[in-house]
Amino acid sequence: MNRISEKIGVIASVFTLFSLGTSPHPFVLIFSYIIHEAGHIFFAKITGAGMKKIRFGAFRLCLSYDKSGLSYKQEMLVQAGGIIFNLLSALIVSLFHLQGDVFRFFQICNISLALMNLYPISILDGGGILKNVFLCFLSGGVAEKLSKFVSFIGAILMWLVAVYIQIVLSASMSLFVISVFLLVELCFSNV
C-alpha cells in the first residue's frame, strides 16, 4: 500500500477511535461491526470458501478467503453476508419489540452499516457484489475497468454528499472523513 494511503489510514483510524469515544454506546457500535464480519464468515463457511486471514484497517476489517471454486453467485453471497446479518439484527430488535436507547442505537448502527456497505465502491461490499455482477456478463478485464470506474464515481459522489451535509447541515464529519479515506485508497491502491 502506498505511504500516503497508509498515513491517511492512520489518521482515519484515530478518527474512528475518537468517534467510538464520543458514541453514546461504543460497545454497541463495535458489536455491530462484529455482527457484520460474522455474516461474511458464516456465508464463507457455507459456500466452502476457506478463511485465509483477518486484517484490521481503517474503518474496516479485511477478511481474506479462498475464492477458488466459488461461483460468482457464491462470492456475492459471501460479500453480502455482512449486510444480511446487519439487517437481520435490526429486524430482530423490531420483531421482539426491544425498547430503549441502546436497542434503538443498535438498530441505527446495523442499518447504517448495511446501507454503507451496499454503496458500489470496490473497497466496500457493494463494490465487490457489483464487480461479480459485471463478471457474470462481461469479460474479466472489462468488468474490472467498469468496476473501478463505478467505484471512483461512487466515491466522488459520496464525498460531494459529505461536503454538502457538512456545509449545509453542520453535521458530523464522519461521512466526510470516510469519503476522503475511500477516495485516497482508490487513487493509491494500484499505484
N, C-alpha and C. Protein backbone atom coordinates (compact mmCIF):
# COMPACT_ATOMS: atom_id res chain seq x y z
N MET A 1 0.86 -1.19 0.00
CA MET A 1 0.00 0.00 0.00
C MET A 1 0.90 1.25 0.00
N ASN A 2 0.49 2.24 -0.67
CA ASN A 2 1.24 3.47 -0.79
C ASN A 2 1.38 4.18 0.56
N ARG A 3 2.50 4.88 0.77
CA ARG A 3 2.75 5.56 2.05
C ARG A 3 1.71 6.64 2.35
N ILE A 4 1.24 7.35 1.33
CA ILE A 4 0.23 8.39 1.55
C ILE A 4 -1.05 7.74 2.05
N SER A 5 -1.45 6.64 1.41
CA SER A 5 -2.64 5.94 1.84
C SER A 5 -2.50 5.40 3.26
N GLU A 6 -1.30 4.91 3.61
CA GLU A 6 -1.05 4.42 4.97
C GLU A 6 -1.20 5.55 5.99
N LYS A 7 -0.67 6.74 5.66
CA LYS A 7 -0.78 7.87 6.58
C LYS A 7 -2.24 8.29 6.75
N ILE A 8 -2.98 8.36 5.64
CA ILE A 8 -4.40 8.68 5.73
C ILE A 8 -5.12 7.61 6.54
N GLY A 9 -4.73 6.34 6.35
CA GLY A 9 -5.34 5.25 7.10
C GLY A 9 -5.12 5.38 8.59
N VAL A 10 -3.94 5.82 9.00
CA VAL A 10 -3.66 6.03 10.42
C VAL A 10 -4.52 7.16 10.96
N ILE A 11 -4.62 8.25 10.22
CA ILE A 11 -5.46 9.38 10.63
C ILE A 11 -6.92 8.93 10.73
N ALA A 12 -7.37 8.17 9.74
CA ALA A 12 -8.75 7.67 9.75
C ALA A 12 -9.00 6.74 10.93
N SER A 13 -8.00 5.92 11.28
CA SER A 13 -8.15 5.02 12.43
C SER A 13 -8.27 5.82 13.72
N VAL A 14 -7.47 6.85 13.87
CA VAL A 14 -7.55 7.71 15.05
C VAL A 14 -8.91 8.38 15.12
N PHE A 15 -9.40 8.85 13.98
CA PHE A 15 -10.72 9.48 13.94
C PHE A 15 -11.81 8.48 14.32
N THR A 16 -11.67 7.24 13.87
CA THR A 16 -12.64 6.20 14.22
C THR A 16 -12.65 5.97 15.72
N LEU A 17 -11.46 5.88 16.32
CA LEU A 17 -11.39 5.69 17.77
C LEU A 17 -12.00 6.88 18.50
N PHE A 18 -11.78 8.08 17.99
CA PHE A 18 -12.39 9.27 18.58
C PHE A 18 -13.91 9.18 18.47
N SER A 19 -14.40 8.74 17.30
CA SER A 19 -15.85 8.60 17.11
C SER A 19 -16.42 7.58 18.07
N LEU A 20 -15.69 6.49 18.30
CA LEU A 20 -16.16 5.50 19.26
C LEU A 20 -16.24 6.10 20.66
N GLY A 21 -15.27 6.96 20.97
CA GLY A 21 -15.25 7.60 22.29
C GLY A 21 -16.40 8.58 22.48
N THR A 22 -16.86 9.18 21.40
CA THR A 22 -17.96 10.14 21.51
C THR A 22 -19.32 9.48 21.25
N SER A 23 -19.29 8.21 20.88
CA SER A 23 -20.53 7.48 20.63
C SER A 23 -21.28 7.28 21.95
N PRO A 24 -22.62 7.35 21.93
CA PRO A 24 -23.36 7.14 23.17
C PRO A 24 -23.22 5.71 23.70
N HIS A 25 -22.97 4.77 22.81
CA HIS A 25 -22.82 3.36 23.20
C HIS A 25 -21.74 2.72 22.33
N PRO A 26 -20.45 2.97 22.64
CA PRO A 26 -19.37 2.49 21.76
C PRO A 26 -19.34 0.97 21.61
N PHE A 27 -19.71 0.22 22.64
CA PHE A 27 -19.66 -1.23 22.52
C PHE A 27 -20.76 -1.76 21.59
N VAL A 28 -21.85 -1.03 21.49
CA VAL A 28 -22.92 -1.40 20.56
C VAL A 28 -22.40 -1.24 19.12
N LEU A 29 -21.66 -0.16 18.88
CA LEU A 29 -21.09 0.08 17.56
C LEU A 29 -20.09 -1.02 17.21
N ILE A 30 -19.24 -1.37 18.14
CA ILE A 30 -18.26 -2.44 17.92
C ILE A 30 -18.98 -3.77 17.68
N PHE A 31 -20.03 -4.03 18.47
CA PHE A 31 -20.80 -5.27 18.31
C PHE A 31 -21.45 -5.34 16.93
N SER A 32 -21.89 -4.21 16.41
CA SER A 32 -22.47 -4.17 15.05
C SER A 32 -21.43 -4.55 14.01
N TYR A 33 -20.19 -4.08 14.18
CA TYR A 33 -19.10 -4.46 13.27
C TYR A 33 -18.83 -5.96 13.36
N ILE A 34 -18.84 -6.50 14.57
CA ILE A 34 -18.60 -7.92 14.76
C ILE A 34 -19.69 -8.74 14.08
N ILE A 35 -20.94 -8.31 14.23
CA ILE A 35 -22.06 -9.00 13.56
C ILE A 35 -21.85 -8.98 12.05
N HIS A 36 -21.43 -7.85 11.52
CA HIS A 36 -21.20 -7.71 10.08
C HIS A 36 -20.15 -8.73 9.61
N GLU A 37 -19.04 -8.77 10.29
CA GLU A 37 -17.96 -9.68 9.89
C GLU A 37 -18.36 -11.13 10.11
N ALA A 38 -19.16 -11.41 11.14
CA ALA A 38 -19.65 -12.77 11.38
C ALA A 38 -20.51 -13.24 10.20
N GLY A 39 -21.24 -12.31 9.59
CA GLY A 39 -22.03 -12.65 8.41
C GLY A 39 -21.16 -13.10 7.26
N HIS A 40 -20.05 -12.40 7.04
CA HIS A 40 -19.13 -12.82 5.99
C HIS A 40 -18.56 -14.21 6.28
N ILE A 41 -18.14 -14.40 7.52
CA ILE A 41 -17.54 -15.68 7.91
C ILE A 41 -18.57 -16.81 7.77
N PHE A 42 -19.81 -16.57 8.20
CA PHE A 42 -20.87 -17.58 8.11
C PHE A 42 -21.09 -18.01 6.67
N PHE A 43 -21.24 -17.04 5.77
CA PHE A 43 -21.50 -17.39 4.38
C PHE A 43 -20.26 -17.94 3.68
N ALA A 44 -19.07 -17.56 4.13
CA ALA A 44 -17.86 -18.17 3.59
C ALA A 44 -17.82 -19.65 3.96
N LYS A 45 -18.22 -19.96 5.18
CA LYS A 45 -18.24 -21.36 5.63
C LYS A 45 -19.26 -22.18 4.84
N ILE A 46 -20.48 -21.65 4.66
CA ILE A 46 -21.50 -22.47 3.99
C ILE A 46 -21.27 -22.59 2.49
N THR A 47 -20.49 -21.68 1.91
CA THR A 47 -20.16 -21.81 0.48
C THR A 47 -18.88 -22.60 0.26
N GLY A 48 -18.18 -22.91 1.34
CA GLY A 48 -16.96 -23.69 1.24
C GLY A 48 -15.71 -22.87 1.01
N ALA A 49 -15.80 -21.57 1.14
CA ALA A 49 -14.62 -20.70 0.98
C ALA A 49 -13.82 -20.74 2.28
N GLY A 50 -12.58 -21.15 2.20
CA GLY A 50 -11.74 -21.22 3.39
C GLY A 50 -11.19 -19.85 3.76
N MET A 51 -11.22 -19.52 5.05
CA MET A 51 -10.68 -18.25 5.53
C MET A 51 -9.16 -18.30 5.49
N LYS A 52 -8.55 -17.25 4.94
CA LYS A 52 -7.09 -17.17 4.88
C LYS A 52 -6.53 -16.33 6.02
N LYS A 53 -7.01 -15.06 6.12
CA LYS A 53 -6.51 -14.19 7.18
C LYS A 53 -7.51 -13.09 7.46
N ILE A 54 -7.35 -12.49 8.64
CA ILE A 54 -8.16 -11.36 9.05
C ILE A 54 -7.19 -10.22 9.33
N ARG A 55 -7.45 -9.05 8.72
CA ARG A 55 -6.57 -7.89 8.88
C ARG A 55 -7.41 -6.67 9.23
N PHE A 56 -6.94 -5.90 10.21
CA PHE A 56 -7.63 -4.69 10.61
C PHE A 56 -7.10 -3.51 9.81
N GLY A 57 -8.02 -2.67 9.33
CA GLY A 57 -7.65 -1.46 8.63
C GLY A 57 -8.55 -0.33 9.09
N ALA A 58 -8.29 0.84 8.58
CA ALA A 58 -9.10 2.00 8.97
C ALA A 58 -10.52 1.79 8.48
N PHE A 59 -11.48 1.95 9.34
CA PHE A 59 -12.91 1.84 9.04
C PHE A 59 -13.33 0.45 8.59
N ARG A 60 -12.45 -0.53 8.68
CA ARG A 60 -12.85 -1.84 8.19
C ARG A 60 -11.97 -2.95 8.74
N LEU A 61 -12.51 -4.11 8.63
CA LEU A 61 -11.82 -5.35 8.94
C LEU A 61 -11.77 -6.11 7.64
N CYS A 62 -10.61 -6.49 7.20
CA CYS A 62 -10.47 -7.17 5.93
C CYS A 62 -10.37 -8.68 6.15
N LEU A 63 -11.29 -9.41 5.57
CA LEU A 63 -11.27 -10.85 5.62
C LEU A 63 -10.82 -11.37 4.27
N SER A 64 -9.81 -12.21 4.29
CA SER A 64 -9.37 -12.85 3.05
C SER A 64 -9.83 -14.29 3.08
N TYR A 65 -10.43 -14.72 2.00
CA TYR A 65 -10.89 -16.09 1.91
C TYR A 65 -10.55 -16.65 0.54
N ASP A 66 -10.49 -17.98 0.45
CA ASP A 66 -10.15 -18.66 -0.79
C ASP A 66 -11.36 -18.63 -1.73
N LYS A 67 -11.23 -17.87 -2.81
CA LYS A 67 -12.33 -17.71 -3.76
C LYS A 67 -12.33 -18.80 -4.83
N SER A 68 -11.25 -19.58 -4.90
CA SER A 68 -11.18 -20.60 -5.96
C SER A 68 -12.29 -21.63 -5.73
N GLY A 69 -12.94 -21.97 -6.79
CA GLY A 69 -14.03 -22.93 -6.70
C GLY A 69 -15.38 -22.31 -6.42
N LEU A 70 -15.41 -21.00 -6.13
CA LEU A 70 -16.69 -20.33 -5.88
C LEU A 70 -17.24 -19.76 -7.18
N SER A 71 -18.53 -19.90 -7.36
CA SER A 71 -19.18 -19.25 -8.50
C SER A 71 -19.32 -17.76 -8.17
N TYR A 72 -19.68 -16.97 -9.17
CA TYR A 72 -19.89 -15.54 -8.93
C TYR A 72 -21.02 -15.33 -7.93
N LYS A 73 -22.06 -16.17 -8.02
CA LYS A 73 -23.19 -16.05 -7.10
C LYS A 73 -22.77 -16.38 -5.67
N GLN A 74 -21.95 -17.41 -5.49
CA GLN A 74 -21.47 -17.75 -4.15
C GLN A 74 -20.60 -16.64 -3.57
N GLU A 75 -19.76 -16.07 -4.42
CA GLU A 75 -18.90 -14.97 -3.95
C GLU A 75 -19.74 -13.75 -3.57
N MET A 76 -20.79 -13.48 -4.34
CA MET A 76 -21.70 -12.37 -4.00
C MET A 76 -22.39 -12.64 -2.67
N LEU A 77 -22.73 -13.89 -2.40
CA LEU A 77 -23.37 -14.25 -1.14
C LEU A 77 -22.43 -14.01 0.03
N VAL A 78 -21.17 -14.37 -0.12
CA VAL A 78 -20.18 -14.11 0.94
C VAL A 78 -20.03 -12.60 1.15
N GLN A 79 -19.96 -11.85 0.06
CA GLN A 79 -19.82 -10.40 0.17
C GLN A 79 -21.05 -9.75 0.78
N ALA A 80 -22.22 -10.30 0.52
CA ALA A 80 -23.46 -9.76 1.08
C ALA A 80 -23.73 -10.26 2.49
N GLY A 81 -22.96 -11.22 2.95
CA GLY A 81 -23.20 -11.82 4.26
C GLY A 81 -23.25 -10.83 5.41
N GLY A 82 -22.34 -9.88 5.43
CA GLY A 82 -22.32 -8.86 6.49
C GLY A 82 -23.56 -8.00 6.45
N ILE A 83 -23.95 -7.60 5.26
CA ILE A 83 -25.14 -6.77 5.08
C ILE A 83 -26.38 -7.54 5.56
N ILE A 84 -26.46 -8.80 5.17
CA ILE A 84 -27.60 -9.64 5.58
C ILE A 84 -27.66 -9.75 7.09
N PHE A 85 -26.54 -10.03 7.74
CA PHE A 85 -26.53 -10.17 9.20
C PHE A 85 -26.89 -8.86 9.90
N ASN A 86 -26.40 -7.72 9.37
CA ASN A 86 -26.76 -6.43 9.98
C ASN A 86 -28.26 -6.17 9.88
N LEU A 87 -28.83 -6.42 8.72
CA LEU A 87 -30.27 -6.19 8.54
C LEU A 87 -31.10 -7.15 9.39
N LEU A 88 -30.67 -8.40 9.48
CA LEU A 88 -31.37 -9.36 10.34
C LEU A 88 -31.31 -8.95 11.81
N SER A 89 -30.17 -8.43 12.24
CA SER A 89 -30.03 -7.97 13.63
C SER A 89 -30.99 -6.83 13.94
N ALA A 90 -31.08 -5.89 13.02
CA ALA A 90 -32.02 -4.77 13.21
C ALA A 90 -33.46 -5.27 13.19
N LEU A 91 -33.75 -6.23 12.35
CA LEU A 91 -35.09 -6.79 12.27
C LEU A 91 -35.46 -7.54 13.56
N ILE A 92 -34.53 -8.26 14.12
CA ILE A 92 -34.78 -8.99 15.37
C ILE A 92 -35.17 -8.03 16.49
N VAL A 93 -34.49 -6.89 16.57
CA VAL A 93 -34.84 -5.89 17.59
C VAL A 93 -36.29 -5.44 17.39
N SER A 94 -36.68 -5.24 16.14
CA SER A 94 -38.06 -4.82 15.86
C SER A 94 -39.07 -5.92 16.17
N LEU A 95 -38.76 -7.15 15.76
CA LEU A 95 -39.69 -8.26 15.96
C LEU A 95 -39.95 -8.55 17.43
N PHE A 96 -38.91 -8.38 18.25
CA PHE A 96 -39.06 -8.65 19.68
C PHE A 96 -39.45 -7.40 20.47
N HIS A 97 -39.70 -6.30 19.76
CA HIS A 97 -40.14 -5.04 20.36
C HIS A 97 -39.21 -4.60 21.50
N LEU A 98 -37.91 -4.72 21.26
CA LEU A 98 -36.94 -4.31 22.27
C LEU A 98 -36.88 -2.79 22.29
N GLN A 99 -37.02 -2.22 23.44
CA GLN A 99 -37.13 -0.77 23.62
C GLN A 99 -35.88 -0.20 24.28
N GLY A 100 -35.73 1.11 24.20
CA GLY A 100 -34.65 1.82 24.89
C GLY A 100 -33.62 2.37 23.94
N ASP A 101 -32.81 3.28 24.47
CA ASP A 101 -31.78 3.95 23.67
C ASP A 101 -30.75 2.98 23.10
N VAL A 102 -30.35 2.01 23.90
CA VAL A 102 -29.32 1.08 23.44
C VAL A 102 -29.83 0.27 22.25
N PHE A 103 -31.06 -0.24 22.33
CA PHE A 103 -31.60 -1.03 21.22
C PHE A 103 -31.87 -0.17 19.99
N ARG A 104 -32.30 1.06 20.19
CA ARG A 104 -32.52 1.98 19.06
C ARG A 104 -31.17 2.29 18.39
N PHE A 105 -30.15 2.54 19.19
CA PHE A 105 -28.82 2.81 18.65
C PHE A 105 -28.28 1.57 17.92
N PHE A 106 -28.55 0.39 18.47
CA PHE A 106 -28.14 -0.88 17.84
C PHE A 106 -28.77 -1.01 16.46
N GLN A 107 -30.05 -0.70 16.36
CA GLN A 107 -30.74 -0.74 15.06
C GLN A 107 -30.13 0.26 14.08
N ILE A 108 -29.90 1.47 14.55
CA ILE A 108 -29.33 2.51 13.69
C ILE A 108 -27.95 2.09 13.19
N CYS A 109 -27.12 1.57 14.09
CA CYS A 109 -25.76 1.14 13.70
C CYS A 109 -25.82 0.04 12.65
N ASN A 110 -26.68 -0.96 12.86
CA ASN A 110 -26.75 -2.08 11.94
C ASN A 110 -27.32 -1.67 10.58
N ILE A 111 -28.35 -0.87 10.58
CA ILE A 111 -28.93 -0.42 9.30
C ILE A 111 -27.94 0.49 8.58
N SER A 112 -27.29 1.39 9.31
CA SER A 112 -26.30 2.29 8.69
C SER A 112 -25.14 1.51 8.10
N LEU A 113 -24.65 0.53 8.85
CA LEU A 113 -23.53 -0.27 8.37
C LEU A 113 -23.92 -1.07 7.12
N ALA A 114 -25.14 -1.60 7.12
CA ALA A 114 -25.61 -2.35 5.94
C ALA A 114 -25.73 -1.42 4.73
N LEU A 115 -26.34 -0.26 4.91
CA LEU A 115 -26.52 0.67 3.80
C LEU A 115 -25.18 1.19 3.28
N MET A 116 -24.27 1.50 4.21
CA MET A 116 -22.95 1.99 3.81
C MET A 116 -22.23 0.94 2.96
N ASN A 117 -22.35 -0.33 3.37
CA ASN A 117 -21.65 -1.38 2.64
C ASN A 117 -22.32 -1.75 1.32
N LEU A 118 -23.53 -1.31 1.10
CA LEU A 118 -24.18 -1.53 -0.19
C LEU A 118 -23.67 -0.56 -1.25
N TYR A 119 -23.02 0.51 -0.83
CA TYR A 119 -22.53 1.53 -1.76
C TYR A 119 -21.56 0.88 -2.73
N PRO A 120 -21.65 1.14 -4.04
CA PRO A 120 -20.86 0.42 -5.05
C PRO A 120 -19.42 0.93 -5.18
N ILE A 121 -18.67 0.87 -4.11
CA ILE A 121 -17.25 1.22 -4.13
C ILE A 121 -16.48 -0.07 -3.88
N SER A 122 -15.48 -0.34 -4.70
CA SER A 122 -14.79 -1.63 -4.67
C SER A 122 -14.26 -2.02 -3.30
N ILE A 123 -13.93 -1.07 -2.48
CA ILE A 123 -13.41 -1.34 -1.14
C ILE A 123 -14.52 -1.85 -0.23
N LEU A 124 -15.76 -1.52 -0.55
CA LEU A 124 -16.91 -1.92 0.25
C LEU A 124 -17.57 -3.16 -0.36
N ASP A 125 -18.45 -3.78 0.40
CA ASP A 125 -19.12 -5.00 -0.07
C ASP A 125 -19.93 -4.77 -1.34
N GLY A 126 -20.60 -3.65 -1.43
CA GLY A 126 -21.40 -3.35 -2.62
C GLY A 126 -20.57 -3.30 -3.89
N GLY A 127 -19.35 -2.81 -3.79
CA GLY A 127 -18.45 -2.79 -4.94
C GLY A 127 -18.06 -4.18 -5.38
N GLY A 128 -17.81 -5.06 -4.41
CA GLY A 128 -17.50 -6.45 -4.73
C GLY A 128 -18.67 -7.17 -5.36
N ILE A 129 -19.85 -6.91 -4.84
CA ILE A 129 -21.06 -7.51 -5.40
C ILE A 129 -21.26 -7.04 -6.84
N LEU A 130 -21.12 -5.73 -7.05
CA LEU A 130 -21.30 -5.18 -8.40
C LEU A 130 -20.27 -5.74 -9.37
N LYS A 131 -19.04 -5.89 -8.92
CA LYS A 131 -18.00 -6.44 -9.79
C LYS A 131 -18.36 -7.88 -10.21
N ASN A 132 -18.89 -8.66 -9.28
CA ASN A 132 -19.30 -10.02 -9.63
C ASN A 132 -20.50 -10.04 -10.57
N VAL A 133 -21.39 -9.08 -10.44
CA VAL A 133 -22.50 -8.96 -11.39
C VAL A 133 -21.92 -8.67 -12.78
N PHE A 134 -20.97 -7.75 -12.85
CA PHE A 134 -20.33 -7.45 -14.14
C PHE A 134 -19.64 -8.69 -14.71
N LEU A 135 -18.98 -9.47 -13.84
CA LEU A 135 -18.27 -10.66 -14.29
C LEU A 135 -19.22 -11.72 -14.85
N CYS A 136 -20.46 -11.70 -14.41
CA CYS A 136 -21.45 -12.64 -14.95
C CYS A 136 -21.76 -12.36 -16.42
N PHE A 137 -21.57 -11.11 -16.84
CA PHE A 137 -21.98 -10.72 -18.20
C PHE A 137 -20.83 -10.22 -19.08
N LEU A 138 -19.71 -9.85 -18.47
CA LEU A 138 -18.61 -9.24 -19.23
C LEU A 138 -17.31 -10.02 -18.99
N SER A 139 -16.33 -9.79 -19.84
CA SER A 139 -15.03 -10.42 -19.65
C SER A 139 -14.34 -9.82 -18.42
N GLY A 140 -13.36 -10.52 -17.90
CA GLY A 140 -12.67 -10.09 -16.67
C GLY A 140 -12.08 -8.69 -16.75
N GLY A 141 -11.41 -8.37 -17.86
CA GLY A 141 -10.78 -7.05 -17.99
C GLY A 141 -11.80 -5.92 -18.07
N VAL A 142 -12.85 -6.14 -18.83
CA VAL A 142 -13.90 -5.12 -18.97
C VAL A 142 -14.62 -4.94 -17.63
N ALA A 143 -14.92 -6.05 -16.96
CA ALA A 143 -15.60 -5.98 -15.66
C ALA A 143 -14.75 -5.24 -14.64
N GLU A 144 -13.45 -5.50 -14.66
CA GLU A 144 -12.53 -4.83 -13.73
C GLU A 144 -12.49 -3.32 -13.98
N LYS A 145 -12.36 -2.92 -15.24
CA LYS A 145 -12.31 -1.49 -15.57
C LYS A 145 -13.63 -0.79 -15.24
N LEU A 146 -14.74 -1.43 -15.56
CA LEU A 146 -16.04 -0.85 -15.26
C LEU A 146 -16.26 -0.74 -13.75
N SER A 147 -15.82 -1.74 -13.02
CA SER A 147 -15.94 -1.72 -11.56
C SER A 147 -15.12 -0.58 -10.96
N LYS A 148 -13.90 -0.39 -11.46
CA LYS A 148 -13.06 0.71 -10.96
C LYS A 148 -13.68 2.06 -11.28
N PHE A 149 -14.24 2.20 -12.47
CA PHE A 149 -14.88 3.45 -12.87
C PHE A 149 -16.07 3.76 -11.96
N VAL A 150 -16.95 2.78 -11.76
CA VAL A 150 -18.11 2.98 -10.90
C VAL A 150 -17.68 3.28 -9.47
N SER A 151 -16.63 2.60 -8.99
CA SER A 151 -16.12 2.85 -7.65
C SER A 151 -15.64 4.28 -7.48
N PHE A 152 -14.89 4.75 -8.46
CA PHE A 152 -14.36 6.11 -8.37
C PHE A 152 -15.48 7.14 -8.41
N ILE A 153 -16.43 6.97 -9.32
CA ILE A 153 -17.58 7.89 -9.40
C ILE A 153 -18.38 7.82 -8.09
N GLY A 154 -18.59 6.61 -7.57
CA GLY A 154 -19.31 6.45 -6.31
C GLY A 154 -18.62 7.15 -5.15
N ALA A 155 -17.29 7.05 -5.10
CA ALA A 155 -16.53 7.71 -4.02
C ALA A 155 -16.61 9.22 -4.15
N ILE A 156 -16.55 9.73 -5.37
CA ILE A 156 -16.67 11.18 -5.58
C ILE A 156 -18.06 11.65 -5.16
N LEU A 157 -19.09 10.91 -5.55
CA LEU A 157 -20.46 11.28 -5.15
C LEU A 157 -20.62 11.25 -3.64
N MET A 158 -20.04 10.24 -2.99
CA MET A 158 -20.10 10.17 -1.53
C MET A 158 -19.41 11.39 -0.91
N TRP A 159 -18.28 11.77 -1.47
CA TRP A 159 -17.55 12.93 -0.95
C TRP A 159 -18.37 14.20 -1.14
N LEU A 160 -19.00 14.35 -2.31
CA LEU A 160 -19.83 15.54 -2.55
C LEU A 160 -21.01 15.61 -1.58
N VAL A 161 -21.66 14.48 -1.34
CA VAL A 161 -22.75 14.44 -0.37
C VAL A 161 -22.23 14.80 1.03
N ALA A 162 -21.06 14.28 1.38
CA ALA A 162 -20.48 14.58 2.69
C ALA A 162 -20.16 16.06 2.84
N VAL A 163 -19.63 16.66 1.78
CA VAL A 163 -19.34 18.10 1.82
C VAL A 163 -20.63 18.89 1.97
N TYR A 164 -21.64 18.52 1.21
CA TYR A 164 -22.94 19.19 1.30
C TYR A 164 -23.51 19.08 2.72
N ILE A 165 -23.50 17.88 3.27
CA ILE A 165 -24.03 17.67 4.62
C ILE A 165 -23.24 18.50 5.63
N GLN A 166 -21.92 18.53 5.46
CA GLN A 166 -21.08 19.28 6.39
C GLN A 166 -21.35 20.78 6.30
N ILE A 167 -21.48 21.30 5.11
CA ILE A 167 -21.68 22.75 4.93
C ILE A 167 -23.10 23.17 5.29
N VAL A 168 -24.09 22.49 4.75
CA VAL A 168 -25.48 22.90 4.93
C VAL A 168 -26.03 22.53 6.30
N LEU A 169 -25.73 21.31 6.75
CA LEU A 169 -26.32 20.84 8.00
C LEU A 169 -25.38 20.94 9.20
N SER A 170 -24.13 21.27 8.96
CA SER A 170 -23.11 21.29 10.01
C SER A 170 -23.14 20.00 10.83
N ALA A 171 -23.26 18.90 10.11
CA ALA A 171 -23.37 17.59 10.76
C ALA A 171 -21.99 17.03 11.07
N SER A 172 -21.98 15.84 11.59
CA SER A 172 -20.75 15.13 11.95
C SER A 172 -19.83 15.02 10.73
N MET A 173 -18.55 15.01 11.00
CA MET A 173 -17.57 14.89 9.91
C MET A 173 -17.27 13.45 9.56
N SER A 174 -17.95 12.50 10.18
CA SER A 174 -17.64 11.09 9.96
C SER A 174 -17.73 10.70 8.49
N LEU A 175 -18.84 11.03 7.83
CA LEU A 175 -19.00 10.67 6.43
C LEU A 175 -17.94 11.34 5.56
N PHE A 176 -17.60 12.58 5.89
CA PHE A 176 -16.58 13.30 5.13
C PHE A 176 -15.22 12.59 5.25
N VAL A 177 -14.84 12.22 6.46
CA VAL A 177 -13.55 11.54 6.66
C VAL A 177 -13.55 10.18 5.97
N ILE A 178 -14.64 9.45 6.08
CA ILE A 178 -14.74 8.15 5.42
C ILE A 178 -14.63 8.32 3.90
N SER A 179 -15.32 9.31 3.34
CA SER A 179 -15.29 9.51 1.89
C SER A 179 -13.90 9.91 1.42
N VAL A 180 -13.19 10.73 2.18
CA VAL A 180 -11.82 11.11 1.81
C VAL A 180 -10.91 9.89 1.86
N PHE A 181 -11.05 9.08 2.91
CA PHE A 181 -10.24 7.88 3.01
C PHE A 181 -10.50 6.94 1.83
N LEU A 182 -11.76 6.74 1.48
CA LEU A 182 -12.09 5.86 0.36
C LEU A 182 -11.51 6.38 -0.96
N LEU A 183 -11.61 7.70 -1.18
CA LEU A 183 -11.03 8.28 -2.40
C LEU A 183 -9.52 8.08 -2.45
N VAL A 184 -8.84 8.35 -1.33
CA VAL A 184 -7.38 8.18 -1.29
C VAL A 184 -7.01 6.72 -1.52
N GLU A 185 -7.71 5.83 -0.87
CA GLU A 185 -7.40 4.41 -1.04
C GLU A 185 -7.64 3.97 -2.48
N LEU A 186 -8.72 4.43 -3.10
CA LEU A 186 -8.97 4.08 -4.50
C LEU A 186 -7.89 4.64 -5.43
N CYS A 187 -7.45 5.86 -5.16
CA CYS A 187 -6.46 6.51 -6.02
C CYS A 187 -5.08 5.85 -5.90
N PHE A 188 -4.73 5.41 -4.70
CA PHE A 188 -3.37 4.91 -4.49
C PHE A 188 -3.29 3.40 -4.35
N SER A 189 -4.39 2.69 -4.46
CA SER A 189 -4.34 1.24 -4.26
C SER A 189 -3.64 0.50 -5.40
N ASN A 190 -3.63 1.06 -6.58
CA ASN A 190 -2.98 0.39 -7.72
C ASN A 190 -1.75 1.12 -8.21
N VAL A 191 -1.23 2.05 -7.40
CA VAL A 191 -0.05 2.81 -7.81
C VAL A 191 1.19 2.02 -7.52
